N, C-alpha and C. Protein backbone atom coordinates (compact mmCIF):
# COMPACT_ATOMS: atom_id res chain seq x y z
N UNK A 1 0.85 -1.19 0.00
CA UNK A 1 0.00 0.00 0.00
C UNK A 1 0.88 1.24 0.00
N UNK A 2 0.60 2.15 -0.91
CA UNK A 2 1.37 3.38 -1.00
C UNK A 2 1.00 4.33 0.13
N UNK A 3 1.84 5.35 0.29
CA UNK A 3 1.58 6.33 1.36
C UNK A 3 0.32 7.14 1.08
N UNK A 4 0.08 7.46 -0.18
CA UNK A 4 -1.13 8.24 -0.51
C UNK A 4 -2.39 7.45 -0.21
N UNK A 5 -2.39 6.15 -0.51
CA UNK A 5 -3.56 5.32 -0.19
C UNK A 5 -3.75 5.19 1.32
N UNK A 6 -2.64 5.01 2.05
CA UNK A 6 -2.73 4.94 3.52
C UNK A 6 -3.27 6.24 4.11
N UNK A 7 -2.79 7.37 3.58
CA UNK A 7 -3.27 8.66 4.07
C UNK A 7 -4.75 8.84 3.76
N UNK A 8 -5.18 8.36 2.59
CA UNK A 8 -6.60 8.48 2.22
C UNK A 8 -7.48 7.70 3.19
N UNK A 9 -7.10 6.48 3.52
CA UNK A 9 -7.91 5.66 4.43
C UNK A 9 -7.93 6.25 5.84
N UNK A 10 -6.81 6.80 6.28
CA UNK A 10 -6.78 7.41 7.61
C UNK A 10 -7.71 8.63 7.67
N UNK A 11 -7.61 9.49 6.67
CA UNK A 11 -8.47 10.67 6.63
C UNK A 11 -9.95 10.28 6.48
N UNK A 12 -10.21 9.24 5.70
CA UNK A 12 -11.60 8.79 5.55
C UNK A 12 -12.16 8.26 6.86
N UNK A 13 -11.34 7.55 7.64
CA UNK A 13 -11.80 7.06 8.94
C UNK A 13 -12.08 8.20 9.91
N UNK A 14 -11.19 9.20 9.92
CA UNK A 14 -11.41 10.36 10.79
C UNK A 14 -12.67 11.10 10.37
N UNK A 15 -12.90 11.20 9.07
CA UNK A 15 -14.09 11.89 8.57
C UNK A 15 -15.37 11.17 8.99
N UNK A 16 -15.37 9.84 8.92
CA UNK A 16 -16.55 9.07 9.33
C UNK A 16 -16.83 9.22 10.82
N UNK A 17 -15.77 9.16 11.62
CA UNK A 17 -15.96 9.28 13.08
C UNK A 17 -16.48 10.67 13.44
N UNK A 18 -15.90 11.70 12.84
CA UNK A 18 -16.35 13.06 13.14
C UNK A 18 -17.77 13.31 12.64
N UNK A 19 -18.15 12.72 11.50
CA UNK A 19 -19.52 12.87 11.00
C UNK A 19 -20.53 12.19 11.93
N UNK A 20 -20.16 11.04 12.46
CA UNK A 20 -21.04 10.37 13.42
C UNK A 20 -21.16 11.19 14.70
N UNK A 21 -20.07 11.81 15.12
CA UNK A 21 -20.12 12.63 16.33
C UNK A 21 -20.98 13.88 16.14
N UNK A 22 -21.10 14.36 14.90
CA UNK A 22 -21.93 15.54 14.66
C UNK A 22 -23.39 15.25 15.00
N UNK A 23 -23.87 14.05 14.64
CA UNK A 23 -25.27 13.72 14.86
C UNK A 23 -25.52 13.02 16.18
N UNK A 24 -24.47 12.57 16.85
CA UNK A 24 -24.67 11.82 18.11
C UNK A 24 -24.25 12.58 19.35
N UNK A 25 -23.57 13.71 19.20
CA UNK A 25 -23.13 14.47 20.38
C UNK A 25 -24.33 15.10 21.07
N UNK A 26 -24.33 15.06 22.40
CA UNK A 26 -25.43 15.63 23.17
C UNK A 26 -25.30 17.13 23.34
N UNK A 27 -24.08 17.67 23.32
CA UNK A 27 -23.86 19.10 23.46
C UNK A 27 -23.72 19.74 22.08
N UNK A 28 -24.44 20.83 21.82
CA UNK A 28 -24.32 21.47 20.50
C UNK A 28 -22.92 21.97 20.18
N UNK A 29 -22.19 22.43 21.19
CA UNK A 29 -20.82 22.92 20.94
C UNK A 29 -19.93 21.77 20.50
N UNK A 30 -20.08 20.60 21.12
CA UNK A 30 -19.29 19.44 20.72
C UNK A 30 -19.64 19.01 19.29
N UNK A 31 -20.92 19.08 18.94
CA UNK A 31 -21.32 18.75 17.57
C UNK A 31 -20.71 19.73 16.57
N UNK A 32 -20.69 21.02 16.92
CA UNK A 32 -20.10 22.01 16.02
C UNK A 32 -18.59 21.79 15.87
N UNK A 33 -17.91 21.46 16.95
CA UNK A 33 -16.48 21.18 16.85
C UNK A 33 -16.21 19.93 16.03
N UNK A 34 -17.05 18.92 16.15
CA UNK A 34 -16.91 17.73 15.31
C UNK A 34 -17.13 18.06 13.84
N UNK A 35 -18.05 18.97 13.56
CA UNK A 35 -18.27 19.39 12.18
C UNK A 35 -17.06 20.15 11.63
N UNK A 36 -16.41 20.95 12.47
CA UNK A 36 -15.18 21.62 12.05
C UNK A 36 -14.11 20.60 11.68
N UNK A 37 -13.95 19.56 12.52
CA UNK A 37 -12.99 18.50 12.22
C UNK A 37 -13.35 17.78 10.93
N UNK A 38 -14.65 17.55 10.69
CA UNK A 38 -15.07 16.90 9.44
C UNK A 38 -14.73 17.77 8.23
N UNK A 39 -14.93 19.08 8.36
CA UNK A 39 -14.59 19.97 7.24
C UNK A 39 -13.08 19.96 6.97
N UNK A 40 -12.28 20.02 8.02
CA UNK A 40 -10.83 19.98 7.83
C UNK A 40 -10.40 18.67 7.17
N UNK A 41 -10.96 17.57 7.61
CA UNK A 41 -10.58 16.27 7.04
C UNK A 41 -11.01 16.16 5.59
N UNK A 42 -12.21 16.68 5.28
CA UNK A 42 -12.67 16.65 3.90
C UNK A 42 -11.79 17.52 3.02
N UNK A 43 -11.36 18.67 3.53
CA UNK A 43 -10.45 19.53 2.77
C UNK A 43 -9.12 18.82 2.52
N UNK A 44 -8.62 18.11 3.52
CA UNK A 44 -7.38 17.35 3.33
C UNK A 44 -7.55 16.25 2.29
N UNK A 45 -8.70 15.60 2.28
CA UNK A 45 -8.96 14.57 1.26
C UNK A 45 -8.97 15.18 -0.14
N UNK A 46 -9.61 16.30 -0.29
CA UNK A 46 -9.65 16.93 -1.61
C UNK A 46 -8.26 17.37 -2.06
N UNK A 47 -7.46 17.85 -1.13
CA UNK A 47 -6.10 18.27 -1.50
C UNK A 47 -5.27 17.06 -1.93
N UNK A 48 -5.42 15.95 -1.22
CA UNK A 48 -4.68 14.74 -1.62
C UNK A 48 -5.14 14.20 -2.97
N UNK A 49 -6.40 14.46 -3.34
CA UNK A 49 -6.91 14.01 -4.63
C UNK A 49 -6.61 14.98 -5.77
N UNK A 50 -5.95 16.09 -5.47
CA UNK A 50 -5.56 17.04 -6.50
C UNK A 50 -6.48 18.22 -6.66
N UNK A 51 -7.54 18.31 -5.85
CA UNK A 51 -8.47 19.44 -5.94
C UNK A 51 -8.15 20.42 -4.83
N UNK A 52 -7.01 21.09 -4.95
CA UNK A 52 -6.57 21.97 -3.87
C UNK A 52 -7.44 23.21 -3.74
N UNK A 53 -8.01 23.67 -4.87
CA UNK A 53 -8.87 24.85 -4.79
C UNK A 53 -10.11 24.57 -3.95
N UNK A 54 -10.75 23.43 -4.16
CA UNK A 54 -11.93 23.08 -3.38
C UNK A 54 -11.59 22.89 -1.91
N UNK A 55 -10.42 22.30 -1.64
CA UNK A 55 -10.01 22.12 -0.24
C UNK A 55 -9.78 23.43 0.47
N UNK A 56 -9.08 24.35 -0.18
CA UNK A 56 -8.83 25.66 0.43
C UNK A 56 -10.11 26.47 0.56
N UNK A 57 -10.99 26.36 -0.44
CA UNK A 57 -12.27 27.06 -0.34
C UNK A 57 -13.11 26.53 0.82
N UNK A 58 -13.08 25.23 1.03
CA UNK A 58 -13.81 24.64 2.16
C UNK A 58 -13.28 25.14 3.49
N UNK A 59 -11.96 25.24 3.61
CA UNK A 59 -11.37 25.72 4.86
C UNK A 59 -11.67 27.19 5.08
N UNK A 60 -11.50 28.00 4.03
CA UNK A 60 -11.68 29.45 4.18
C UNK A 60 -13.14 29.82 4.42
N UNK A 61 -14.05 29.22 3.63
CA UNK A 61 -15.45 29.63 3.69
C UNK A 61 -16.17 28.97 4.85
N UNK A 62 -16.15 27.66 4.89
CA UNK A 62 -16.95 26.95 5.89
C UNK A 62 -16.31 26.97 7.26
N UNK A 63 -15.05 26.57 7.34
CA UNK A 63 -14.39 26.52 8.65
C UNK A 63 -14.07 27.93 9.13
N UNK A 64 -13.57 28.79 8.26
CA UNK A 64 -13.13 30.10 8.70
C UNK A 64 -14.24 31.09 8.95
N UNK A 65 -15.40 30.90 8.35
CA UNK A 65 -16.48 31.88 8.50
C UNK A 65 -17.73 31.28 9.11
N UNK A 66 -18.29 30.27 8.44
CA UNK A 66 -19.58 29.74 8.86
C UNK A 66 -19.50 29.05 10.21
N UNK A 67 -18.55 28.15 10.37
CA UNK A 67 -18.50 27.38 11.62
C UNK A 67 -18.05 28.25 12.78
N UNK A 68 -17.17 29.21 12.55
CA UNK A 68 -16.79 30.12 13.63
C UNK A 68 -18.01 30.93 14.08
N UNK A 69 -18.84 31.35 13.12
CA UNK A 69 -20.08 32.06 13.48
C UNK A 69 -21.01 31.15 14.28
N UNK A 70 -21.15 29.89 13.87
CA UNK A 70 -21.99 28.95 14.61
C UNK A 70 -21.49 28.79 16.04
N UNK A 71 -20.19 28.66 16.22
CA UNK A 71 -19.64 28.48 17.56
C UNK A 71 -19.89 29.71 18.43
N UNK A 72 -19.70 30.90 17.86
CA UNK A 72 -19.95 32.11 18.64
C UNK A 72 -21.42 32.20 19.06
N UNK A 73 -22.33 31.87 18.13
CA UNK A 73 -23.76 31.92 18.46
C UNK A 73 -24.10 30.91 19.53
N UNK A 74 -23.58 29.69 19.42
CA UNK A 74 -23.88 28.67 20.43
C UNK A 74 -23.32 29.04 21.79
N UNK A 75 -22.12 29.61 21.82
CA UNK A 75 -21.53 29.98 23.10
C UNK A 75 -22.24 31.18 23.72
N UNK A 76 -22.68 32.12 22.89
CA UNK A 76 -23.38 33.29 23.45
C UNK A 76 -24.78 32.94 23.93
N UNK A 77 -25.47 32.04 23.20
CA UNK A 77 -26.82 31.66 23.61
C UNK A 77 -26.82 30.65 24.76
N UNK A 78 -25.71 29.95 24.96
CA UNK A 78 -25.60 28.96 26.03
C UNK A 78 -26.72 27.92 25.90
N UNK A 79 -26.76 27.25 24.73
CA UNK A 79 -27.81 26.29 24.45
C UNK A 79 -27.56 25.03 25.27
N UNK A 80 -28.60 24.58 25.94
CA UNK A 80 -28.54 23.36 26.73
C UNK A 80 -29.28 22.25 26.00
N UNK A 81 -28.63 21.09 25.91
CA UNK A 81 -29.25 19.97 25.21
C UNK A 81 -30.02 19.13 26.20
N UNK A 82 -31.27 18.87 25.90
CA UNK A 82 -32.11 18.03 26.74
C UNK A 82 -32.16 16.61 26.17
N UNK A 83 -32.94 15.77 26.82
CA UNK A 83 -33.06 14.39 26.38
C UNK A 83 -33.80 14.32 25.05
N UNK A 84 -33.15 13.77 24.05
CA UNK A 84 -33.71 13.73 22.71
C UNK A 84 -34.08 12.30 22.30
N UNK A 85 -34.31 11.41 23.25
CA UNK A 85 -34.64 10.02 22.91
C UNK A 85 -35.93 9.91 22.12
N UNK A 86 -37.02 10.60 22.49
CA UNK A 86 -38.24 10.51 21.66
C UNK A 86 -38.04 11.00 20.24
N UNK A 87 -37.25 12.04 20.05
CA UNK A 87 -37.02 12.54 18.70
C UNK A 87 -36.23 11.53 17.87
N UNK A 88 -35.26 10.86 18.48
CA UNK A 88 -34.51 9.84 17.76
C UNK A 88 -35.44 8.73 17.28
N UNK A 89 -36.33 8.30 18.16
CA UNK A 89 -37.23 7.22 17.79
C UNK A 89 -38.22 7.67 16.71
N UNK A 90 -38.64 8.94 16.77
CA UNK A 90 -39.62 9.44 15.82
C UNK A 90 -39.03 9.57 14.42
N UNK A 91 -37.75 9.96 14.32
CA UNK A 91 -37.13 10.20 13.02
C UNK A 91 -36.19 9.07 12.60
N UNK A 92 -36.27 7.92 13.25
CA UNK A 92 -35.34 6.84 12.93
C UNK A 92 -35.61 6.26 11.55
N UNK A 93 -36.85 5.93 11.26
CA UNK A 93 -37.17 5.30 9.97
C UNK A 93 -36.94 6.23 8.78
N UNK A 94 -37.37 7.50 8.81
CA UNK A 94 -37.02 8.38 7.67
C UNK A 94 -35.53 8.55 7.49
N UNK A 95 -34.79 8.61 8.59
CA UNK A 95 -33.33 8.77 8.48
C UNK A 95 -32.69 7.55 7.84
N UNK A 96 -33.14 6.36 8.25
CA UNK A 96 -32.61 5.14 7.64
C UNK A 96 -32.96 5.05 6.17
N UNK A 97 -34.16 5.49 5.80
CA UNK A 97 -34.57 5.45 4.39
C UNK A 97 -33.72 6.39 3.55
N UNK A 98 -33.53 7.63 4.03
CA UNK A 98 -32.70 8.59 3.28
C UNK A 98 -31.25 8.10 3.21
N UNK A 99 -30.73 7.55 4.30
CA UNK A 99 -29.36 7.03 4.28
C UNK A 99 -29.20 5.88 3.30
N UNK A 100 -30.21 5.00 3.22
CA UNK A 100 -30.13 3.88 2.28
C UNK A 100 -30.15 4.36 0.83
N UNK A 101 -30.98 5.37 0.54
CA UNK A 101 -31.02 5.92 -0.82
C UNK A 101 -29.69 6.56 -1.19
N UNK A 102 -29.10 7.35 -0.27
CA UNK A 102 -27.81 7.99 -0.55
C UNK A 102 -26.71 6.95 -0.73
N UNK A 103 -26.72 5.90 0.08
CA UNK A 103 -25.72 4.83 -0.06
C UNK A 103 -25.86 4.13 -1.39
N UNK A 104 -27.11 3.89 -1.83
CA UNK A 104 -27.32 3.23 -3.13
C UNK A 104 -26.80 4.11 -4.27
N UNK A 105 -27.03 5.43 -4.17
CA UNK A 105 -26.53 6.33 -5.21
C UNK A 105 -25.01 6.31 -5.27
N UNK A 106 -24.35 6.32 -4.11
CA UNK A 106 -22.88 6.30 -4.09
C UNK A 106 -22.35 5.01 -4.68
N UNK A 107 -22.97 3.88 -4.33
CA UNK A 107 -22.52 2.58 -4.86
C UNK A 107 -22.70 2.53 -6.37
N UNK A 108 -23.84 3.03 -6.87
CA UNK A 108 -24.07 3.03 -8.31
C UNK A 108 -23.04 3.90 -9.04
N UNK A 109 -22.71 5.05 -8.47
CA UNK A 109 -21.70 5.91 -9.11
C UNK A 109 -20.33 5.24 -9.13
N UNK A 110 -19.98 4.56 -8.03
CA UNK A 110 -18.68 3.88 -7.98
C UNK A 110 -18.62 2.75 -8.99
N UNK A 111 -19.70 1.95 -9.05
CA UNK A 111 -19.73 0.82 -9.99
C UNK A 111 -19.68 1.32 -11.43
N UNK A 112 -20.43 2.39 -11.72
CA UNK A 112 -20.42 2.94 -13.07
C UNK A 112 -19.06 3.50 -13.44
N UNK A 113 -18.40 4.15 -12.48
CA UNK A 113 -17.07 4.69 -12.74
C UNK A 113 -16.04 3.60 -12.98
N UNK A 114 -16.15 2.50 -12.24
CA UNK A 114 -15.20 1.40 -12.42
C UNK A 114 -15.41 0.72 -13.77
N UNK A 115 -16.69 0.59 -14.19
CA UNK A 115 -16.96 -0.09 -15.45
C UNK A 115 -16.54 0.76 -16.65
N UNK A 116 -16.83 2.05 -16.60
CA UNK A 116 -16.51 2.90 -17.75
C UNK A 116 -15.01 3.15 -17.87
N UNK A 117 -14.35 3.45 -16.73
CA UNK A 117 -12.91 3.73 -16.72
C UNK A 117 -12.57 4.82 -17.73
N UNK A 118 -13.20 5.97 -17.54
CA UNK A 118 -12.98 7.08 -18.46
C UNK A 118 -11.53 7.54 -18.40
N UNK A 119 -10.93 7.68 -19.56
CA UNK A 119 -9.53 8.08 -19.64
C UNK A 119 -9.39 9.58 -19.38
N UNK A 120 -8.34 9.94 -18.68
CA UNK A 120 -8.07 11.35 -18.41
C UNK A 120 -7.47 12.01 -19.64
N UNK A 121 -7.61 13.30 -19.78
CA UNK A 121 -6.96 13.98 -20.91
C UNK A 121 -5.45 13.82 -20.86
N UNK A 122 -4.82 14.02 -22.01
CA UNK A 122 -3.38 13.83 -22.08
C UNK A 122 -2.62 14.82 -21.21
N UNK A 123 -3.12 16.05 -21.13
CA UNK A 123 -2.44 17.08 -20.34
C UNK A 123 -3.06 17.22 -18.95
N UNK A 124 -3.63 16.15 -18.42
CA UNK A 124 -4.29 16.24 -17.11
C UNK A 124 -3.29 16.49 -16.00
N UNK A 125 -2.09 15.94 -16.13
CA UNK A 125 -1.10 16.11 -15.06
C UNK A 125 -0.56 17.53 -15.00
N UNK A 126 -0.54 18.22 -16.14
CA UNK A 126 -0.02 19.58 -16.17
C UNK A 126 -1.10 20.64 -16.02
N UNK A 127 -2.36 20.24 -15.93
CA UNK A 127 -3.46 21.21 -15.80
C UNK A 127 -3.56 21.71 -14.37
N UNK A 128 -3.85 22.98 -14.23
CA UNK A 128 -4.11 23.58 -12.93
C UNK A 128 -5.61 23.73 -12.77
N UNK A 129 -6.16 23.00 -11.78
CA UNK A 129 -7.62 23.00 -11.67
C UNK A 129 -8.17 24.36 -11.26
N UNK A 130 -7.37 25.17 -10.55
CA UNK A 130 -7.85 26.50 -10.20
C UNK A 130 -8.03 27.37 -11.45
N UNK A 131 -7.06 27.30 -12.34
CA UNK A 131 -7.17 28.07 -13.58
C UNK A 131 -8.30 27.55 -14.46
N UNK A 132 -8.42 26.22 -14.56
CA UNK A 132 -9.48 25.65 -15.38
C UNK A 132 -10.86 25.98 -14.81
N UNK A 133 -10.98 25.95 -13.48
CA UNK A 133 -12.25 26.30 -12.86
C UNK A 133 -12.59 27.78 -13.09
N UNK A 134 -11.59 28.64 -13.00
CA UNK A 134 -11.82 30.05 -13.28
C UNK A 134 -12.23 30.30 -14.72
N UNK A 135 -11.60 29.59 -15.65
CA UNK A 135 -11.98 29.74 -17.06
C UNK A 135 -13.40 29.27 -17.31
N UNK A 136 -13.81 28.18 -16.66
CA UNK A 136 -15.19 27.70 -16.82
C UNK A 136 -16.19 28.70 -16.25
N UNK A 137 -15.88 29.25 -15.06
CA UNK A 137 -16.83 30.15 -14.41
C UNK A 137 -16.96 31.47 -15.15
N UNK A 138 -15.83 32.03 -15.58
CA UNK A 138 -15.85 33.37 -16.16
C UNK A 138 -15.89 33.38 -17.69
N UNK A 139 -15.92 32.22 -18.31
CA UNK A 139 -16.06 32.16 -19.77
C UNK A 139 -17.34 31.42 -20.18
N UNK A 140 -17.47 30.18 -19.72
CA UNK A 140 -18.63 29.38 -20.15
C UNK A 140 -19.87 29.65 -19.30
N UNK A 141 -19.68 29.94 -18.03
CA UNK A 141 -20.82 30.11 -17.12
C UNK A 141 -20.80 31.50 -16.48
N UNK A 142 -20.49 32.51 -17.26
CA UNK A 142 -20.39 33.87 -16.72
C UNK A 142 -21.77 34.40 -16.32
N UNK A 143 -22.76 34.26 -17.20
CA UNK A 143 -24.10 34.79 -16.90
C UNK A 143 -24.77 34.06 -15.74
N UNK A 144 -24.71 32.73 -15.66
CA UNK A 144 -25.25 32.09 -14.44
C UNK A 144 -24.53 32.52 -13.17
N UNK A 145 -23.22 32.75 -13.26
CA UNK A 145 -22.48 33.20 -12.08
C UNK A 145 -22.93 34.59 -11.66
N UNK A 146 -23.12 35.50 -12.62
CA UNK A 146 -23.60 36.84 -12.29
C UNK A 146 -25.02 36.79 -11.73
N UNK A 147 -25.84 35.91 -12.25
CA UNK A 147 -27.21 35.77 -11.75
C UNK A 147 -27.23 35.28 -10.30
N UNK A 148 -26.38 34.31 -10.02
CA UNK A 148 -26.29 33.83 -8.64
C UNK A 148 -25.79 34.92 -7.71
N UNK A 149 -24.83 35.73 -8.17
CA UNK A 149 -24.33 36.82 -7.34
C UNK A 149 -25.42 37.85 -7.05
N UNK A 150 -26.23 38.16 -8.06
CA UNK A 150 -27.34 39.11 -7.86
C UNK A 150 -28.37 38.54 -6.89
N UNK A 151 -28.68 37.25 -7.02
CA UNK A 151 -29.63 36.62 -6.10
C UNK A 151 -29.12 36.64 -4.67
N UNK A 152 -27.84 36.38 -4.48
CA UNK A 152 -27.28 36.44 -3.13
C UNK A 152 -27.33 37.85 -2.57
N UNK A 153 -27.05 38.84 -3.41
CA UNK A 153 -27.12 40.23 -2.97
C UNK A 153 -28.55 40.61 -2.57
N UNK A 154 -29.53 40.19 -3.37
CA UNK A 154 -30.92 40.47 -3.04
C UNK A 154 -31.31 39.79 -1.73
N UNK A 155 -30.84 38.56 -1.52
CA UNK A 155 -31.13 37.87 -0.27
C UNK A 155 -30.53 38.57 0.93
N UNK A 156 -29.31 39.08 0.81
CA UNK A 156 -28.69 39.82 1.90
C UNK A 156 -29.46 41.09 2.22
N UNK A 157 -29.86 41.84 1.18
CA UNK A 157 -30.61 43.07 1.40
C UNK A 157 -31.96 42.76 2.04
N UNK A 158 -32.63 41.70 1.58
CA UNK A 158 -33.92 41.33 2.16
C UNK A 158 -33.79 40.93 3.62
N UNK A 159 -32.72 40.21 3.96
CA UNK A 159 -32.51 39.83 5.37
C UNK A 159 -32.28 41.06 6.25
N UNK A 160 -31.52 42.03 5.74
CA UNK A 160 -31.28 43.25 6.52
C UNK A 160 -32.57 44.04 6.70
N UNK A 161 -33.37 44.14 5.64
CA UNK A 161 -34.62 44.91 5.73
C UNK A 161 -35.61 44.24 6.67
N UNK A 162 -35.70 42.91 6.62
CA UNK A 162 -36.66 42.20 7.47
C UNK A 162 -36.29 42.24 8.94
N UNK A 163 -35.00 42.27 9.23
CA UNK A 163 -34.56 42.28 10.64
C UNK A 163 -34.36 43.68 11.19
N UNK A 164 -34.54 44.71 10.37
CA UNK A 164 -34.32 46.08 10.83
C UNK A 164 -35.52 46.52 11.67
N UNK A 165 -35.24 47.09 12.82
CA UNK A 165 -36.28 47.55 13.73
C UNK A 165 -36.01 48.99 14.13
N UNK A 166 -37.09 49.78 14.14
CA UNK A 166 -36.97 51.16 14.59
C UNK A 166 -37.02 51.20 16.12
N UNK A 167 -36.24 52.06 16.71
CA UNK A 167 -36.21 52.21 18.16
C UNK A 167 -36.21 53.70 18.50
N UNK A 168 -37.05 54.06 19.47
CA UNK A 168 -37.14 55.46 19.84
C UNK A 168 -36.01 55.89 20.77
N UNK A 169 -35.21 54.93 21.23
CA UNK A 169 -34.10 55.25 22.12
C UNK A 169 -32.80 55.51 21.36
N UNK A 170 -32.82 55.32 20.06
CA UNK A 170 -31.61 55.51 19.25
C UNK A 170 -31.62 56.91 18.66
N UNK A 171 -30.54 57.63 18.83
CA UNK A 171 -30.39 58.96 18.28
C UNK A 171 -29.78 58.86 16.89
N UNK A 172 -30.44 59.47 15.94
CA UNK A 172 -29.98 59.41 14.56
C UNK A 172 -29.69 60.81 14.03
N UNK A 173 -28.83 60.88 13.08
CA UNK A 173 -28.47 62.14 12.45
C UNK A 173 -29.16 62.26 11.09
N UNK A 174 -29.54 63.50 10.76
CA UNK A 174 -30.12 63.80 9.46
C UNK A 174 -29.14 64.68 8.70
N UNK A 175 -28.36 64.11 7.79
CA UNK A 175 -27.35 64.90 7.06
C UNK A 175 -27.95 66.05 6.26
N UNK A 176 -29.16 65.87 5.71
CA UNK A 176 -29.77 66.95 4.91
C UNK A 176 -30.09 68.15 5.79
N UNK A 177 -30.60 67.90 6.98
CA UNK A 177 -30.90 69.02 7.88
C UNK A 177 -29.61 69.68 8.38
N UNK A 178 -28.56 68.90 8.59
CA UNK A 178 -27.30 69.48 9.04
C UNK A 178 -26.67 70.36 7.96
N UNK A 179 -26.80 69.96 6.71
CA UNK A 179 -26.22 70.76 5.63
C UNK A 179 -27.02 72.03 5.39
N UNK A 180 -28.36 71.94 5.52
CA UNK A 180 -29.22 73.10 5.25
C UNK A 180 -29.35 74.05 6.43
N UNK A 181 -28.61 73.84 7.51
CA UNK A 181 -28.75 74.70 8.68
C UNK A 181 -28.20 76.10 8.39
N UNK A 182 -28.80 77.12 9.03
CA UNK A 182 -28.38 78.51 8.86
C UNK A 182 -27.84 79.03 10.19
N UNK A 183 -26.98 80.05 10.07
CA UNK A 183 -26.39 80.60 11.29
C UNK A 183 -27.45 81.24 12.17
N UNK A 184 -28.42 81.88 11.55
CA UNK A 184 -29.46 82.55 12.34
C UNK A 184 -30.37 81.57 13.07
N UNK A 185 -30.43 80.32 12.58
CA UNK A 185 -31.26 79.33 13.26
C UNK A 185 -30.59 78.76 14.50
N UNK A 186 -29.29 78.80 14.57
CA UNK A 186 -28.57 78.17 15.67
C UNK A 186 -27.92 79.16 16.63
N UNK A 187 -27.69 80.41 16.21
CA UNK A 187 -26.96 81.37 17.02
C UNK A 187 -27.72 82.69 17.07
N UNK A 188 -27.88 83.22 18.27
CA UNK A 188 -28.54 84.51 18.46
C UNK A 188 -27.69 85.36 19.39
N UNK A 189 -27.33 86.55 18.93
CA UNK A 189 -26.50 87.48 19.71
C UNK A 189 -27.43 88.41 20.48
N UNK A 190 -27.28 88.42 21.80
CA UNK A 190 -28.12 89.23 22.67
C UNK A 190 -27.27 90.32 23.29
N UNK A 191 -27.73 91.55 23.24
CA UNK A 191 -27.03 92.68 23.83
C UNK A 191 -27.53 92.88 25.26
N UNK A 192 -26.65 92.77 26.22
CA UNK A 192 -27.00 92.92 27.63
C UNK A 192 -26.13 94.01 28.24
N UNK A 193 -26.72 94.89 29.06
CA UNK A 193 -25.91 95.94 29.73
C UNK A 193 -24.98 95.33 30.76
N UNK A 194 -23.83 95.98 30.89
CA UNK A 194 -22.85 95.48 31.85
C UNK A 194 -23.26 95.86 33.26
N UNK A 195 -23.05 94.99 34.20
CA UNK A 195 -23.39 95.23 35.60
C UNK A 195 -22.15 95.74 36.32
N UNK A 196 -22.31 96.87 37.04
CA UNK A 196 -21.20 97.45 37.81
C UNK A 196 -21.60 97.54 39.27
N UNK A 197 -20.68 97.33 40.16
CA UNK A 197 -20.93 97.42 41.59
C UNK A 197 -20.76 98.88 42.06
N UNK A 198 -21.68 99.39 42.85
CA UNK A 198 -21.62 100.75 43.42
C UNK A 198 -21.27 100.67 44.89
N UNK A 199 -20.66 101.76 45.37
CA UNK A 199 -20.22 101.76 46.78
C UNK A 199 -21.38 101.91 47.75
N UNK A 200 -22.44 102.65 47.35
CA UNK A 200 -23.56 102.87 48.25
C UNK A 200 -24.69 101.88 48.02
N UNK A 201 -24.31 100.65 47.71
CA UNK A 201 -25.32 99.62 47.51
C UNK A 201 -25.98 99.30 48.83
N UNK A 202 -27.28 99.12 48.87
CA UNK A 202 -27.97 98.83 50.13
C UNK A 202 -27.53 97.49 50.71
N UNK A 203 -27.39 97.48 52.03
CA UNK A 203 -26.98 96.27 52.74
C UNK A 203 -28.24 95.66 53.32
N UNK A 204 -28.47 94.42 52.96
CA UNK A 204 -29.67 93.73 53.42
C UNK A 204 -29.38 93.08 54.76
N UNK A 205 -30.32 93.23 55.66
CA UNK A 205 -30.17 92.65 56.99
C UNK A 205 -30.53 91.18 56.94
N UNK A 206 -29.84 90.42 57.77
CA UNK A 206 -30.11 89.00 57.86
C UNK A 206 -31.24 88.68 58.82
N UNK A 207 -31.70 89.70 59.58
CA UNK A 207 -32.77 89.46 60.54
C UNK A 207 -34.10 89.41 59.82
N UNK A 208 -34.97 88.56 60.32
CA UNK A 208 -36.28 88.41 59.72
C UNK A 208 -37.22 89.45 60.32
N UNK A 209 -38.11 89.94 59.47
CA UNK A 209 -39.08 90.92 59.94
C UNK A 209 -40.18 90.22 60.72
N UNK A 210 -40.84 90.95 61.68
CA UNK A 210 -41.91 90.33 62.47
C UNK A 210 -43.06 89.86 61.61
N UNK A 211 -43.37 90.56 60.48
CA UNK A 211 -44.48 90.11 59.65
C UNK A 211 -44.23 88.74 59.07
N UNK A 212 -42.94 88.48 58.67
CA UNK A 212 -42.64 87.21 58.03
C UNK A 212 -42.48 86.08 59.03
N UNK A 213 -41.97 86.43 60.26
CA UNK A 213 -41.75 85.37 61.25
C UNK A 213 -42.98 85.12 62.08
N UNK A 214 -43.95 86.04 62.06
CA UNK A 214 -45.16 85.81 62.84
C UNK A 214 -45.01 86.23 64.29
N UNK A 215 -43.92 86.97 64.64
CA UNK A 215 -43.70 87.43 66.03
C UNK A 215 -44.40 88.75 66.32
N UNK A 216 -44.49 89.18 67.57
CA UNK A 216 -45.13 90.43 68.00
C UNK A 216 -44.07 91.38 68.48
């Protein structure tokens, strides 16, 4: 057995164990960490198979952004996992059915690939899949790519609009009113006479008068 085949089987075993831990862990944080390990292992498998662009994209996008966001949300919300035995029993048969269908599809693809044994192009060893993928996206599938980008942008704007809430406790600025302000609206000069102290100013007594104190 070559080293590449040995490495493939080791990574595949780690991927299977981490995938099982994602669905069997009782704590959501542990399940999220197992999913991070599964993503890393899958990226390593793709890199060993020659698809380095897909492996790096998986690490940067899913592990570096999505899963880190999931972990922060789970830690901030402090989600507690309760007993999920009834849910397991309720969804056991549909899960087994979907798993059997997916397994049958994978087996059929493997058998078909082994029987056909499609030959690789002559320059397959010298091809760079990142460059070839870029040429396909920006030459053959440019308009679908732009359409998907517009749809994602619309989805982001819709999510921001739907979650936006007005609050009366938030102070906001109006740039149009600030630009149109006039000096006379904000500043008023008042002329006041100067106060001067005189020497013959009356001295007020500190004693209370009988009328105010109620004395005789």
